[in-house]
Amino acid sequence: MVLGVEKQQNIENLVMKACAENNCRLYHMEWHNHCLKVYVDKDQKNIQLSECEQISKRIQIFLMAVGLSRQIELEVSSPGLERKLIQPWHFSSVIGKAITFQYIPKTDDKKSFSGCLTQVNDRGITLDNNKYFDFEFIKGAHLVFHY
């Protein structure tokens, strides 16, 4: 399904509002064909299934109002224990924890890195080995959950 940028932005704004109404935050949104996947989170707390349900209901009401409820399949969940790290604030929220990612600089020499995240700034991250990585070349980053 192809939605215009304006319509997608309107849906994202509604999702953020629905999250705020439930004392949560939008972690990430993904569009896959006819499916909108919404990942919601809370500061320092686990998101509850009931909160995901409330956010889902609120988003469905909006989708019905704009005539998209039958065209879009909606999934609302937490980002999970091994959550994707995409935005700089995602990385900032897991300082001190283990992460893993692919690093693909302009030389196309792809390498995998793992380690404890020690610092984040607006341009990149530093791991516990004091190695610095620019966000521009970080791909597929996620939190590593240790059992």
N, C-alpha and C. Protein backbone atom coordinates (compact mmCIF):
# COMPACT_ATOMS: atom_id res chain seq x y z
N MET A 1 0.84 -1.17 0.00
CA MET A 1 0.00 0.00 0.00
C MET A 1 0.89 1.24 0.00
N VAL A 2 0.55 2.18 -0.82
CA VAL A 2 1.31 3.41 -0.90
C VAL A 2 0.44 4.53 -0.35
N LEU A 3 0.90 5.10 0.76
CA LEU A 3 0.23 6.25 1.34
C LEU A 3 1.12 7.45 1.12
N GLY A 4 0.53 8.58 0.90
CA GLY A 4 1.31 9.81 0.73
C GLY A 4 2.04 10.16 2.01
N VAL A 5 3.08 10.94 1.86
CA VAL A 5 3.90 11.36 2.99
C VAL A 5 3.05 12.09 4.03
N GLU A 6 2.14 12.93 3.57
CA GLU A 6 1.30 13.70 4.48
C GLU A 6 0.40 12.78 5.30
N LYS A 7 -0.19 11.78 4.64
CA LYS A 7 -1.07 10.84 5.35
C LYS A 7 -0.26 10.00 6.35
N GLN A 8 0.94 9.57 5.96
CA GLN A 8 1.79 8.82 6.89
C GLN A 8 2.16 9.69 8.09
N GLN A 9 2.46 10.96 7.84
CA GLN A 9 2.81 11.87 8.94
C GLN A 9 1.61 12.07 9.86
N ASN A 10 0.41 12.17 9.30
CA ASN A 10 -0.80 12.30 10.12
C ASN A 10 -0.98 11.07 11.01
N ILE A 11 -0.76 9.89 10.43
CA ILE A 11 -0.89 8.65 11.20
C ILE A 11 0.18 8.61 12.30
N GLU A 12 1.41 8.99 11.98
CA GLU A 12 2.47 9.01 13.00
C GLU A 12 2.13 9.99 14.12
N ASN A 13 1.58 11.15 13.79
CA ASN A 13 1.18 12.12 14.82
C ASN A 13 0.11 11.54 15.72
N LEU A 14 -0.86 10.85 15.14
CA LEU A 14 -1.90 10.23 15.94
C LEU A 14 -1.32 9.15 16.84
N VAL A 15 -0.41 8.34 16.31
CA VAL A 15 0.21 7.29 17.10
C VAL A 15 0.95 7.90 18.29
N MET A 16 1.68 8.99 18.06
CA MET A 16 2.39 9.65 19.17
C MET A 16 1.40 10.18 20.20
N LYS A 17 0.28 10.72 19.75
CA LYS A 17 -0.74 11.22 20.67
C LYS A 17 -1.35 10.07 21.47
N ALA A 18 -1.66 8.96 20.80
CA ALA A 18 -2.22 7.79 21.49
C ALA A 18 -1.23 7.26 22.53
N CYS A 19 0.04 7.28 22.21
CA CYS A 19 1.06 6.84 23.17
C CYS A 19 1.10 7.77 24.37
N ALA A 20 1.12 9.07 24.12
CA ALA A 20 1.18 10.04 25.21
C ALA A 20 -0.04 9.92 26.12
N GLU A 21 -1.21 9.67 25.54
CA GLU A 21 -2.43 9.51 26.35
C GLU A 21 -2.32 8.31 27.28
N ASN A 22 -1.47 7.35 26.95
CA ASN A 22 -1.29 6.16 27.77
C ASN A 22 0.05 6.16 28.50
N ASN A 23 0.63 7.35 28.67
CA ASN A 23 1.91 7.52 29.37
C ASN A 23 3.01 6.64 28.79
N CYS A 24 3.01 6.49 27.48
CA CYS A 24 4.02 5.71 26.76
C CYS A 24 4.64 6.63 25.71
N ARG A 25 5.59 6.08 24.97
CA ARG A 25 6.18 6.85 23.87
C ARG A 25 6.30 5.95 22.65
N LEU A 26 6.23 6.58 21.50
CA LEU A 26 6.44 5.86 20.26
C LEU A 26 7.93 5.56 20.16
N TYR A 27 8.25 4.29 20.07
CA TYR A 27 9.65 3.86 19.93
C TYR A 27 10.03 3.82 18.45
N HIS A 28 9.16 3.23 17.64
CA HIS A 28 9.46 3.09 16.22
C HIS A 28 8.20 2.64 15.49
N MET A 29 8.09 3.04 14.21
CA MET A 29 7.01 2.58 13.35
C MET A 29 7.61 2.00 12.08
N GLU A 30 7.02 0.93 11.58
CA GLU A 30 7.46 0.32 10.33
C GLU A 30 6.24 0.03 9.47
N TRP A 31 6.38 0.32 8.19
CA TRP A 31 5.35 -0.02 7.21
C TRP A 31 5.82 -1.22 6.42
N HIS A 32 5.02 -2.27 6.36
CA HIS A 32 5.30 -3.46 5.55
C HIS A 32 4.05 -3.75 4.73
N ASN A 33 4.08 -3.34 3.46
CA ASN A 33 2.92 -3.49 2.59
C ASN A 33 1.68 -2.91 3.24
N HIS A 34 0.73 -3.74 3.61
CA HIS A 34 -0.53 -3.27 4.22
C HIS A 34 -0.49 -3.28 5.74
N CYS A 35 0.66 -3.53 6.32
CA CYS A 35 0.77 -3.66 7.77
C CYS A 35 1.56 -2.50 8.37
N LEU A 36 1.00 -1.89 9.39
CA LEU A 36 1.68 -0.86 10.17
C LEU A 36 2.07 -1.48 11.50
N LYS A 37 3.38 -1.57 11.75
CA LYS A 37 3.88 -2.10 13.01
C LYS A 37 4.31 -0.92 13.88
N VAL A 38 3.72 -0.85 15.06
CA VAL A 38 4.00 0.24 15.99
C VAL A 38 4.63 -0.35 17.24
N TYR A 39 5.79 0.18 17.60
CA TYR A 39 6.50 -0.27 18.80
C TYR A 39 6.44 0.85 19.83
N VAL A 40 5.92 0.55 21.00
CA VAL A 40 5.77 1.55 22.06
C VAL A 40 6.57 1.14 23.28
N ASP A 41 6.96 2.13 24.07
CA ASP A 41 7.87 1.91 25.19
C ASP A 41 7.51 2.87 26.32
N LYS A 42 8.07 2.59 27.49
CA LYS A 42 7.93 3.47 28.64
C LYS A 42 9.31 3.70 29.24
N ASP A 43 9.52 4.86 29.80
CA ASP A 43 10.79 5.12 30.48
C ASP A 43 10.90 4.25 31.71
N GLN A 44 11.96 3.46 31.77
CA GLN A 44 12.32 2.67 32.95
C GLN A 44 11.25 1.66 33.40
N LYS A 45 10.25 1.39 32.58
CA LYS A 45 9.20 0.43 32.95
C LYS A 45 8.88 -0.45 31.76
N ASN A 46 8.35 -1.61 32.05
CA ASN A 46 7.88 -2.50 30.98
C ASN A 46 6.50 -2.07 30.53
N ILE A 47 6.29 -2.09 29.24
CA ILE A 47 4.97 -1.78 28.70
C ILE A 47 4.06 -2.99 28.92
N GLN A 48 2.84 -2.75 29.29
CA GLN A 48 1.89 -3.81 29.57
C GLN A 48 1.04 -4.09 28.33
N LEU A 49 0.56 -5.32 28.21
CA LEU A 49 -0.30 -5.70 27.09
C LEU A 49 -1.54 -4.81 27.04
N SER A 50 -2.10 -4.50 28.19
CA SER A 50 -3.30 -3.65 28.23
C SER A 50 -3.02 -2.26 27.65
N GLU A 51 -1.82 -1.76 27.84
CA GLU A 51 -1.46 -0.46 27.29
C GLU A 51 -1.35 -0.55 25.76
N CYS A 52 -0.78 -1.63 25.28
CA CYS A 52 -0.71 -1.84 23.82
C CYS A 52 -2.11 -1.93 23.24
N GLU A 53 -3.02 -2.60 23.94
CA GLU A 53 -4.40 -2.73 23.47
C GLU A 53 -5.09 -1.37 23.41
N GLN A 54 -4.89 -0.54 24.44
CA GLN A 54 -5.51 0.79 24.46
C GLN A 54 -4.99 1.65 23.32
N ILE A 55 -3.70 1.61 23.08
CA ILE A 55 -3.10 2.38 21.99
C ILE A 55 -3.63 1.87 20.65
N SER A 56 -3.72 0.56 20.50
CA SER A 56 -4.23 -0.03 19.27
C SER A 56 -5.67 0.42 19.00
N LYS A 57 -6.51 0.40 20.03
CA LYS A 57 -7.91 0.83 19.87
C LYS A 57 -7.98 2.29 19.43
N ARG A 58 -7.15 3.12 20.04
CA ARG A 58 -7.15 4.55 19.71
C ARG A 58 -6.72 4.77 18.25
N ILE A 59 -5.69 4.05 17.82
CA ILE A 59 -5.22 4.18 16.44
C ILE A 59 -6.29 3.67 15.47
N GLN A 60 -6.96 2.56 15.82
CA GLN A 60 -8.01 1.99 14.95
C GLN A 60 -9.16 2.99 14.76
N ILE A 61 -9.52 3.71 15.81
CA ILE A 61 -10.58 4.71 15.71
C ILE A 61 -10.20 5.77 14.69
N PHE A 62 -8.96 6.22 14.74
CA PHE A 62 -8.49 7.22 13.78
C PHE A 62 -8.50 6.65 12.37
N LEU A 63 -8.00 5.43 12.22
CA LEU A 63 -7.96 4.82 10.88
C LEU A 63 -9.37 4.67 10.31
N MET A 64 -10.35 4.35 11.17
CA MET A 64 -11.74 4.28 10.70
C MET A 64 -12.22 5.65 10.26
N ALA A 65 -11.87 6.67 11.01
CA ALA A 65 -12.33 8.03 10.71
C ALA A 65 -11.81 8.53 9.37
N VAL A 66 -10.63 8.07 8.98
CA VAL A 66 -10.06 8.52 7.69
C VAL A 66 -10.23 7.47 6.60
N GLY A 67 -11.02 6.42 6.88
CA GLY A 67 -11.34 5.43 5.87
C GLY A 67 -10.23 4.44 5.55
N LEU A 68 -9.32 4.21 6.49
CA LEU A 68 -8.20 3.30 6.23
C LEU A 68 -8.22 2.02 7.06
N SER A 69 -9.21 1.86 7.92
CA SER A 69 -9.20 0.72 8.84
C SER A 69 -9.25 -0.62 8.12
N ARG A 70 -9.88 -0.69 6.97
CA ARG A 70 -9.94 -1.96 6.23
C ARG A 70 -8.72 -2.17 5.33
N GLN A 71 -7.93 -1.13 5.14
CA GLN A 71 -6.77 -1.21 4.26
C GLN A 71 -5.46 -1.44 5.00
N ILE A 72 -5.45 -1.19 6.30
CA ILE A 72 -4.21 -1.29 7.07
C ILE A 72 -4.38 -2.31 8.19
N GLU A 73 -3.48 -3.27 8.23
CA GLU A 73 -3.41 -4.20 9.36
C GLU A 73 -2.49 -3.55 10.39
N LEU A 74 -2.93 -3.50 11.63
CA LEU A 74 -2.19 -2.81 12.68
C LEU A 74 -1.65 -3.79 13.71
N GLU A 75 -0.39 -3.63 14.06
CA GLU A 75 0.23 -4.40 15.14
C GLU A 75 0.86 -3.41 16.10
N VAL A 76 0.56 -3.54 17.38
CA VAL A 76 1.15 -2.67 18.41
C VAL A 76 1.80 -3.57 19.45
N SER A 77 3.08 -3.32 19.73
CA SER A 77 3.79 -4.13 20.72
C SER A 77 4.95 -3.35 21.31
N SER A 78 5.61 -3.98 22.27
CA SER A 78 6.84 -3.39 22.81
C SER A 78 7.96 -3.65 21.79
N PRO A 79 9.06 -2.92 21.89
CA PRO A 79 10.17 -3.17 20.98
C PRO A 79 10.92 -4.46 21.30
N GLY A 80 10.63 -5.08 22.41
CA GLY A 80 11.24 -6.36 22.76
C GLY A 80 12.55 -6.25 23.53
N LEU A 81 12.99 -7.38 24.05
CA LEU A 81 14.22 -7.42 24.84
C LEU A 81 15.46 -7.13 24.01
N GLU A 82 15.46 -7.59 22.78
CA GLU A 82 16.60 -7.33 21.89
C GLU A 82 16.19 -6.31 20.83
N ARG A 83 15.68 -5.20 21.33
CA ARG A 83 15.12 -4.16 20.49
C ARG A 83 16.12 -3.58 19.49
N LYS A 84 15.58 -3.17 18.36
CA LYS A 84 16.38 -2.47 17.36
C LYS A 84 16.80 -1.12 17.92
N LEU A 85 17.98 -0.70 17.57
CA LEU A 85 18.48 0.62 17.94
C LEU A 85 18.64 1.41 16.65
N ILE A 86 17.81 2.41 16.46
CA ILE A 86 17.78 3.13 15.20
C ILE A 86 18.11 4.61 15.41
N GLN A 87 17.35 5.24 16.26
CA GLN A 87 17.53 6.67 16.53
C GLN A 87 18.61 6.87 17.60
N PRO A 88 19.30 8.02 17.59
CA PRO A 88 20.29 8.28 18.64
C PRO A 88 19.73 8.12 20.06
N TRP A 89 18.46 8.50 20.28
CA TRP A 89 17.92 8.37 21.63
C TRP A 89 17.73 6.90 22.02
N HIS A 90 17.56 6.02 21.04
CA HIS A 90 17.49 4.58 21.34
C HIS A 90 18.81 4.13 21.98
N PHE A 91 19.92 4.57 21.38
CA PHE A 91 21.24 4.22 21.91
C PHE A 91 21.44 4.84 23.29
N SER A 92 21.05 6.10 23.45
CA SER A 92 21.22 6.79 24.74
C SER A 92 20.46 6.08 25.86
N SER A 93 19.35 5.45 25.50
CA SER A 93 18.54 4.79 26.53
C SER A 93 19.12 3.46 26.99
N VAL A 94 20.17 2.96 26.31
CA VAL A 94 20.76 1.67 26.71
C VAL A 94 22.25 1.78 27.04
N ILE A 95 22.70 2.97 27.42
CA ILE A 95 24.10 3.13 27.83
C ILE A 95 24.36 2.18 29.00
N GLY A 96 25.51 1.50 28.93
CA GLY A 96 25.88 0.54 29.96
C GLY A 96 25.44 -0.88 29.64
N LYS A 97 24.75 -1.06 28.52
CA LYS A 97 24.26 -2.39 28.14
C LYS A 97 24.97 -2.88 26.89
N ALA A 98 24.89 -4.19 26.66
CA ALA A 98 25.54 -4.80 25.50
C ALA A 98 24.70 -4.59 24.25
N ILE A 99 25.39 -4.22 23.17
CA ILE A 99 24.74 -4.07 21.88
C ILE A 99 25.58 -4.79 20.83
N THR A 100 24.98 -5.00 19.67
CA THR A 100 25.69 -5.56 18.52
C THR A 100 25.19 -4.86 17.27
N PHE A 101 26.05 -4.76 16.25
CA PHE A 101 25.68 -4.07 15.02
C PHE A 101 26.68 -4.38 13.91
N GLN A 102 26.26 -4.04 12.70
CA GLN A 102 27.13 -4.10 11.53
C GLN A 102 27.65 -2.68 11.30
N TYR A 103 28.92 -2.58 10.96
CA TYR A 103 29.51 -1.28 10.65
C TYR A 103 29.97 -1.33 9.21
N ILE A 104 29.39 -0.46 8.38
CA ILE A 104 29.67 -0.48 6.96
C ILE A 104 30.15 0.91 6.53
N PRO A 105 31.45 1.18 6.66
CA PRO A 105 31.97 2.48 6.22
C PRO A 105 31.98 2.57 4.70
N LYS A 106 32.35 3.71 4.19
CA LYS A 106 32.32 3.95 2.74
C LYS A 106 33.17 2.96 1.96
N THR A 107 34.10 2.31 2.61
CA THR A 107 34.94 1.34 1.91
C THR A 107 34.20 0.03 1.67
N ASP A 108 32.96 -0.07 2.16
CA ASP A 108 32.13 -1.27 2.04
C ASP A 108 32.76 -2.49 2.71
N ASP A 109 33.64 -2.26 3.65
CA ASP A 109 34.27 -3.34 4.40
C ASP A 109 33.40 -3.60 5.63
N LYS A 110 32.38 -4.44 5.48
CA LYS A 110 31.39 -4.70 6.52
C LYS A 110 32.01 -5.52 7.66
N LYS A 111 31.82 -5.04 8.86
CA LYS A 111 32.32 -5.75 10.04
C LYS A 111 31.25 -5.75 11.11
N SER A 112 31.23 -6.81 11.92
CA SER A 112 30.31 -6.90 13.05
C SER A 112 31.03 -6.47 14.31
N PHE A 113 30.32 -5.75 15.17
CA PHE A 113 30.89 -5.32 16.44
C PHE A 113 29.88 -5.58 17.54
N SER A 114 30.39 -5.90 18.70
CA SER A 114 29.58 -6.07 19.90
C SER A 114 30.35 -5.50 21.07
N GLY A 115 29.63 -5.05 22.06
CA GLY A 115 30.29 -4.55 23.26
C GLY A 115 29.32 -3.77 24.11
N CYS A 116 29.84 -3.29 25.21
CA CYS A 116 29.05 -2.48 26.13
C CYS A 116 29.08 -1.03 25.64
N LEU A 117 27.92 -0.46 25.48
CA LEU A 117 27.80 0.92 25.02
C LEU A 117 28.16 1.86 26.18
N THR A 118 29.17 2.71 25.97
CA THR A 118 29.61 3.58 27.07
C THR A 118 29.26 5.05 26.86
N GLN A 119 29.19 5.50 25.59
CA GLN A 119 28.89 6.91 25.33
C GLN A 119 28.10 7.05 24.04
N VAL A 120 27.28 8.09 24.01
CA VAL A 120 26.51 8.43 22.82
C VAL A 120 26.54 9.94 22.67
N ASN A 121 26.77 10.41 21.45
CA ASN A 121 26.60 11.83 21.17
C ASN A 121 25.75 11.95 19.91
N ASP A 122 25.58 13.15 19.41
CA ASP A 122 24.68 13.33 18.27
C ASP A 122 25.24 12.77 16.96
N ARG A 123 26.51 12.35 16.96
CA ARG A 123 27.12 11.83 15.72
C ARG A 123 27.45 10.35 15.77
N GLY A 124 27.51 9.77 16.98
CA GLY A 124 27.88 8.35 17.05
C GLY A 124 27.96 7.80 18.45
N ILE A 125 28.58 6.63 18.55
CA ILE A 125 28.64 5.91 19.83
C ILE A 125 30.07 5.46 20.12
N THR A 126 30.32 5.15 21.39
CA THR A 126 31.59 4.59 21.81
C THR A 126 31.30 3.33 22.62
N LEU A 127 32.05 2.28 22.32
CA LEU A 127 31.93 1.02 23.06
C LEU A 127 32.97 0.99 24.17
N ASP A 128 32.90 -0.05 25.00
CA ASP A 128 33.79 -0.17 26.16
C ASP A 128 35.26 -0.33 25.78
N ASN A 129 35.56 -0.62 24.53
CA ASN A 129 36.96 -0.70 24.08
C ASN A 129 37.46 0.66 23.60
N ASN A 130 36.68 1.73 23.87
CA ASN A 130 36.97 3.10 23.47
C ASN A 130 36.97 3.31 21.96
N LYS A 131 36.40 2.40 21.22
CA LYS A 131 36.29 2.54 19.78
C LYS A 131 35.03 3.33 19.47
N TYR A 132 35.18 4.32 18.59
CA TYR A 132 34.08 5.21 18.22
C TYR A 132 33.50 4.81 16.86
N PHE A 133 32.17 4.91 16.71
CA PHE A 133 31.48 4.55 15.48
C PHE A 133 30.49 5.64 15.12
N ASP A 134 30.53 6.10 13.87
CA ASP A 134 29.58 7.10 13.38
C ASP A 134 28.23 6.45 13.10
N PHE A 135 27.14 7.12 13.49
CA PHE A 135 25.79 6.61 13.21
C PHE A 135 25.59 6.34 11.72
N GLU A 136 26.18 7.16 10.90
CA GLU A 136 26.00 7.06 9.45
C GLU A 136 26.32 5.67 8.90
N PHE A 137 27.22 4.95 9.55
CA PHE A 137 27.67 3.66 9.04
C PHE A 137 27.20 2.47 9.89
N ILE A 138 26.40 2.73 10.92
CA ILE A 138 25.88 1.66 11.78
C ILE A 138 24.60 1.12 11.16
N LYS A 139 24.55 -0.18 10.98
CA LYS A 139 23.37 -0.84 10.40
C LYS A 139 22.99 -2.04 11.29
N GLY A 140 21.70 -2.28 11.41
CA GLY A 140 21.22 -3.47 12.11
C GLY A 140 21.59 -3.54 13.58
N ALA A 141 21.67 -2.41 14.25
CA ALA A 141 22.03 -2.40 15.67
C ALA A 141 20.86 -2.88 16.52
N HIS A 142 21.19 -3.63 17.56
CA HIS A 142 20.17 -4.03 18.52
C HIS A 142 20.79 -4.33 19.87
N LEU A 143 19.95 -4.26 20.88
CA LEU A 143 20.33 -4.59 22.24
C LEU A 143 20.53 -6.08 22.36
N VAL A 144 21.51 -6.49 23.15
CA VAL A 144 21.77 -7.93 23.38
C VAL A 144 21.25 -8.25 24.78
N PHE A 145 20.31 -9.17 24.84
CA PHE A 145 19.76 -9.58 26.13
C PHE A 145 20.51 -10.80 26.61
N HIS A 146 21.02 -10.72 27.85
CA HIS A 146 21.73 -11.85 28.45
C HIS A 146 20.80 -12.56 29.42
N TYR A 147 20.65 -13.85 29.23
CA TYR A 147 19.76 -14.66 30.06
C TYR A 147 20.39 -15.00 31.37
